[in-house]
């Protein structure tokens, strides 16, 4: 599972870089066209919003991979290690259950006929394309959550120190 999670994370990082670069280029071009050439790009804001949404879901999934989300650990910091381990597993089970419910409804919604006929206002892109990031991002996040839960079960303790998680993420990025 760790291999799959690492491969997904590697893909997400590369995709996020490409999408952020594309968004920066589009926004810069839109500014130049609007204020220099006096010919605004009618599609730039819509595409930028779609790219930002994709980046947000990919970043959220990567945040789960590297455990960098905000967490309230006031109670769990004072629990014995074995209890803390099982609280972590239980929390992951609830998150996976929530992700499963969201994935089910996302697929149901995107496959519905009403979404199939929707088009974006500026570039007339079928809306199932921008909406597709919901199940994609949730699926990637689910993979990372499964990996994290298995790591908790395998390990003797839970690594809740965000600094060490960030160092591990940086080291992993350097190895790629």
Protein backbone atom coordinates (compact mmCIF):
# COMPACT_ATOMS: atom_id res chain seq x y z
CA UNK A 1 0.00 0.00 0.00
CA UNK A 2 2.89 2.32 0.73
CA UNK A 3 4.18 1.88 -2.82
CA UNK A 4 0.77 2.80 -4.28
CA UNK A 5 0.48 5.81 -1.98
CA UNK A 6 3.98 6.97 -2.91
CA UNK A 7 3.25 6.57 -6.63
CA UNK A 8 0.00 8.52 -6.30
CA UNK A 9 1.79 11.24 -4.32
CA UNK A 10 4.51 11.46 -6.95
CA UNK A 11 1.87 11.84 -9.67
CA UNK A 12 0.00 14.43 -7.58
CA UNK A 13 3.13 16.52 -7.05
CA UNK A 14 3.94 16.57 -10.75
CA UNK A 15 0.35 17.36 -11.68
CA UNK A 16 0.16 20.14 -9.08
CA UNK A 17 3.33 21.72 -10.48
CA UNK A 18 1.95 21.62 -14.02
CA UNK A 19 -1.44 23.01 -12.98
CA UNK A 20 0.09 25.81 -10.88
CA UNK A 21 2.40 26.77 -13.71
CA UNK A 22 -0.49 26.77 -16.18
CA UNK A 23 -2.59 28.88 -13.83
CA UNK A 24 0.23 31.41 -13.34
CA UNK A 25 0.78 31.68 -17.10
CA UNK A 26 -2.94 32.08 -17.80
CA UNK A 27 -3.43 34.75 -15.13
CA UNK A 28 -0.31 36.64 -16.29
CA UNK A 29 -1.45 36.44 -19.91
CA UNK A 30 -4.93 37.64 -18.92
CA UNK A 31 -3.45 40.69 -17.20
CA UNK A 32 -1.23 41.50 -20.18
CA UNK A 33 -4.06 41.07 -22.68
CA UNK A 34 -6.48 43.13 -20.58
CA UNK A 35 -4.23 46.08 -19.71
CA UNK A 36 -1.65 46.15 -22.50
CA UNK A 37 -3.58 45.00 -25.55
CA UNK A 38 -7.03 46.10 -24.29
CA UNK A 39 -8.41 42.71 -25.39
CA UNK A 40 -9.34 40.62 -22.35
CA UNK A 41 -9.20 36.84 -22.56
CA UNK A 42 -12.81 35.86 -21.94
CA UNK A 43 -11.90 32.32 -20.86
CA UNK A 44 -8.98 33.04 -18.50
CA UNK A 45 -10.90 33.52 -15.27
CA UNK A 46 -13.00 30.40 -15.77
CA UNK A 47 -10.01 28.20 -16.58
CA UNK A 48 -8.07 29.69 -13.63
CA UNK A 49 -10.91 28.81 -11.26
CA UNK A 50 -11.04 25.24 -12.58
CA UNK A 51 -7.26 24.90 -12.20
CA UNK A 52 -7.38 26.30 -8.66
CA UNK A 53 -10.08 23.80 -7.72
CA UNK A 54 -7.99 20.92 -9.11
CA UNK A 55 -4.91 22.17 -7.24
CA UNK A 56 -6.92 22.45 -4.02
CA UNK A 57 -8.14 18.85 -4.12
CA UNK A 58 -4.70 17.54 -5.07
CA UNK A 59 -3.11 19.58 -2.28
CA UNK A 60 -5.66 18.30 0.22
CA UNK A 61 -4.84 14.74 -0.74
CA UNK A 62 -1.11 15.42 -0.41
CA UNK A 63 -1.78 16.98 2.99
CA UNK A 64 -3.31 13.70 4.10
CA UNK A 65 -0.32 11.79 2.73
CA UNK A 66 2.15 13.83 4.77
CA UNK A 67 -0.18 14.40 7.75
CA UNK A 68 0.13 18.18 7.54
CA UNK A 69 -3.49 19.11 8.20
CA UNK A 70 -4.39 21.04 11.29
CA UNK A 71 -5.23 18.73 14.16
CA UNK A 72 -6.48 19.21 17.69
CA UNK A 73 -4.33 16.85 19.74
CA UNK A 74 -4.99 18.21 23.20
CA UNK A 75 -6.51 14.94 24.42
CA UNK A 76 -4.49 12.46 22.36
CA UNK A 77 -1.17 13.97 23.47
CA UNK A 78 -1.91 12.79 27.02
CA UNK A 79 -3.16 9.29 26.17
CA UNK A 80 -0.98 6.22 26.69
CA UNK A 81 0.77 5.14 23.49
CA UNK A 82 -1.30 1.99 22.92
CA UNK A 83 -4.58 3.86 23.44
CA UNK A 84 -3.35 6.68 21.21
CA UNK A 85 -2.54 4.13 18.50
CA UNK A 86 -6.07 2.71 18.52
CA UNK A 87 -7.65 6.16 18.68
CA UNK A 88 -5.64 6.96 15.54
CA UNK A 89 -6.87 3.78 13.84
CA UNK A 90 -10.47 4.54 14.85
CA UNK A 91 -10.14 8.11 13.52
CA UNK A 92 -8.84 6.74 10.22
CA UNK A 93 -11.73 4.26 10.03
CA UNK A 94 -14.20 7.14 10.45
CA UNK A 95 -12.38 9.22 7.83
CA UNK A 96 -12.37 6.28 5.41
CA UNK A 97 -16.08 5.74 6.00
CA UNK A 98 -16.72 9.43 5.33
CA UNK A 99 -14.58 9.29 2.17
CA UNK A 100 -16.49 6.21 0.98
CA UNK A 101 -19.83 7.98 1.42
CA UNK A 102 -18.53 11.07 -0.39
CA UNK A 103 -17.09 8.96 -3.22
CA UNK A 104 -20.40 7.14 -3.68
CA UNK A 105 -22.37 10.37 -3.91
CA UNK A 106 -19.75 12.05 -6.14
CA UNK A 107 -19.86 9.22 -8.67
CA UNK A 108 -23.66 9.17 -8.52
CA UNK A 109 -23.84 12.93 -9.04
CA UNK A 110 -21.31 13.10 -11.88
CA UNK A 111 -22.95 10.19 -13.68
CA UNK A 112 -26.37 11.84 -13.47
CA UNK A 113 -28.00 13.10 -16.69
CA UNK A 114 -28.24 16.66 -15.37
CA UNK A 115 -24.45 16.94 -15.12
CA UNK A 116 -23.97 15.30 -18.52
CA UNK A 117 -25.73 18.19 -20.27
CA UNK A 118 -24.15 21.05 -18.28
CA UNK A 119 -21.51 23.19 -19.94
CA UNK A 120 -19.32 25.93 -18.49
CA UNK A 121 -20.32 29.47 -19.37
CA UNK A 122 -17.19 30.81 -21.07
CA UNK A 123 -15.48 27.90 -22.82
CA UNK A 124 -18.46 25.53 -23.00
CA UNK A 125 -16.47 22.75 -21.35
CA UNK A 126 -18.65 19.82 -20.27
CA UNK A 127 -18.99 20.29 -16.51
CA UNK A 128 -18.26 16.67 -15.71
CA UNK A 129 -14.60 17.51 -16.46
CA UNK A 130 -14.20 20.13 -13.70
CA UNK A 131 -16.44 18.08 -11.40
CA UNK A 132 -14.27 14.99 -11.94
CA UNK A 133 -11.69 16.29 -9.48
CA UNK A 134 -14.06 15.49 -6.63
CA UNK A 135 -13.92 11.70 -6.96
CA UNK A 136 -10.31 11.80 -8.19
CA UNK A 137 -9.12 13.84 -5.21
CA UNK A 138 -11.20 11.78 -2.78
CA UNK A 139 -9.88 8.54 -4.26
CA UNK A 140 -6.28 9.73 -3.91
CA UNK A 141 -7.01 10.89 -0.35
CA UNK A 142 -8.54 7.49 0.44
CA UNK A 143 -5.39 5.74 -0.78
CA UNK A 144 -3.26 7.95 1.48
CA UNK A 145 -5.59 7.43 4.44
CA UNK A 146 -5.43 3.65 4.00
CA UNK A 147 -1.65 3.81 3.88
CA UNK A 148 -1.50 6.03 6.98
CA UNK A 149 -3.83 3.70 8.88
CA UNK A 150 -1.74 0.67 7.97
CA UNK A 151 1.38 2.55 9.08
CA UNK A 152 -0.24 3.29 12.45
CA UNK A 153 -1.19 -0.36 12.87
CA UNK A 154 2.32 -1.52 11.86
CA UNK A 155 4.28 0.98 13.96
CA UNK A 156 4.64 1.00 17.71
CA UNK A 157 3.82 4.70 18.03
CA UNK A 158 2.05 7.48 16.18
CA UNK A 159 4.27 10.17 14.72
CA UNK A 160 2.24 13.31 15.38
CA UNK A 161 5.11 15.78 15.12
CA UNK A 162 4.40 17.95 12.09
CA UNK A 163 8.03 19.04 11.74
CA UNK A 164 9.25 15.46 11.33
CA UNK A 165 6.47 14.85 8.78
CA UNK A 166 7.59 17.86 6.78
CA UNK A 167 11.21 16.69 6.92
CA UNK A 168 10.13 13.25 5.72
CA UNK A 169 8.17 14.82 2.85
CA UNK A 170 11.15 16.95 1.85
CA UNK A 171 13.48 13.95 1.98
CA UNK A 172 11.05 11.91 -0.12
CA UNK A 173 10.82 14.71 -2.69
CA UNK A 174 14.61 14.88 -2.93
CA UNK A 175 14.78 11.13 -3.58
CA UNK A 176 12.42 11.47 -6.56
